[in-house]
Amino acid sequence: MRESCLTLLFIFLLFFTMKVDSSGGGALKLKGPTQVSNTPIKKYCINDCLARQGDNKERTVSISSLRRGHNTLERAL
């Protein structure tokens, strides 16, 4: 029961924090840091932990790296 709840929570977070890259390639893009009063604020710790690629302050994340991160999270819990 606990594992299924964690999986649903993880999918829920992915759905609301990421958008599918419309150019294809099987990658998801994270929204970059937001600007508040000209001060960059990193909204999610995941932005720091993932590969920094892409343009317009967006991070490109491969599906396999998300799976590795999810497996690491499950082992930690």
Protein backbone atom coordinates (compact mmCIF):
# COMPACT_ATOMS: atom_id res chain seq x y z
CA MET A 1 0.00 0.00 0.00
CA ARG A 2 2.78 2.42 0.92
CA GLU A 3 4.67 1.75 -2.31
CA SER A 4 1.59 2.35 -4.46
CA CYS A 5 0.89 5.62 -2.64
CA LEU A 6 4.48 6.75 -3.19
CA THR A 7 4.27 5.82 -6.87
CA LEU A 8 1.03 7.76 -7.31
CA LEU A 9 2.52 10.76 -5.50
CA PHE A 10 5.62 10.64 -7.72
CA ILE A 11 3.51 10.49 -10.91
CA PHE A 12 1.31 13.32 -9.63
CA LEU A 13 4.36 15.50 -8.99
CA LEU A 14 5.83 14.70 -12.40
CA PHE A 15 2.56 15.53 -14.13
CA PHE A 16 2.26 18.96 -12.54
CA THR A 17 5.94 20.01 -12.55
CA MET A 18 6.93 18.92 -16.05
CA LYS A 19 5.69 19.32 -19.58
CA VAL A 20 6.31 16.98 -22.50
CA ASP A 21 8.73 18.34 -25.08
CA SER A 22 6.70 18.84 -28.28
CA SER A 23 9.79 18.46 -30.49
CA GLY A 24 9.90 14.73 -29.73
CA GLY A 25 12.91 12.73 -28.63
CA GLY A 26 11.27 11.25 -25.54
CA ALA A 27 12.42 14.03 -23.21
CA LEU A 28 10.59 15.99 -20.55
CA LYS A 29 11.37 19.61 -19.76
CA LEU A 30 11.32 21.17 -16.34
CA LYS A 31 10.38 24.76 -15.92
CA GLY A 32 13.43 26.76 -14.92
CA PRO A 33 13.87 29.15 -12.01
CA THR A 34 11.19 31.81 -11.68
CA GLN A 35 11.89 35.52 -11.41
CA VAL A 36 10.57 37.40 -8.37
CA SER A 37 11.71 41.03 -8.08
CA ASN A 38 14.61 40.30 -10.47
CA THR A 39 15.91 37.64 -8.09
CA PRO A 40 16.09 34.07 -9.45
CA ILE A 41 14.42 31.59 -7.12
CA LYS A 42 14.74 27.86 -7.67
CA LYS A 43 11.30 26.41 -7.02
CA TYR A 44 12.24 22.73 -6.89
CA CYS A 45 15.33 20.95 -5.61
CA ILE A 46 15.04 18.62 -8.60
CA ASN A 47 16.27 21.46 -10.84
CA ASP A 48 19.65 21.35 -9.09
CA CYS A 49 19.92 17.57 -9.20
CA LEU A 50 19.29 17.00 -12.91
CA ALA A 51 21.28 17.65 -16.06
CA ARG A 52 21.34 21.29 -17.10
CA GLN A 53 20.54 21.30 -20.79
CA GLY A 54 18.08 23.01 -23.10
CA ASP A 55 17.25 26.63 -23.78
CA ASN A 56 15.24 29.40 -22.13
CA LYS A 57 16.25 28.27 -18.63
CA GLU A 58 14.64 24.86 -19.09
CA ARG A 59 16.20 21.58 -18.00
CA THR A 60 15.92 18.58 -20.31
CA VAL A 61 15.50 15.28 -18.46
CA SER A 62 15.57 11.86 -20.06
CA ILE A 63 13.01 9.23 -19.08
CA SER A 64 15.78 6.85 -17.96
CA SER A 65 17.21 9.42 -15.53
CA LEU A 66 13.73 9.87 -14.04
CA ARG A 67 13.45 6.12 -13.55
CA ARG A 68 16.87 6.01 -11.87
CA GLY A 69 15.83 8.86 -9.57
CA HIS A 70 12.56 7.13 -8.71
CA ASN A 71 14.38 3.87 -7.91
CA THR A 72 16.83 5.78 -5.70
CA LEU A 73 13.93 7.45 -3.91
CA GLU A 74 12.23 4.11 -3.25
CA ARG A 75 15.46 2.63 -1.86
CA ALA A 76 15.91 5.64 0.44
CA LEU A 77 12.42 5.20 1.87
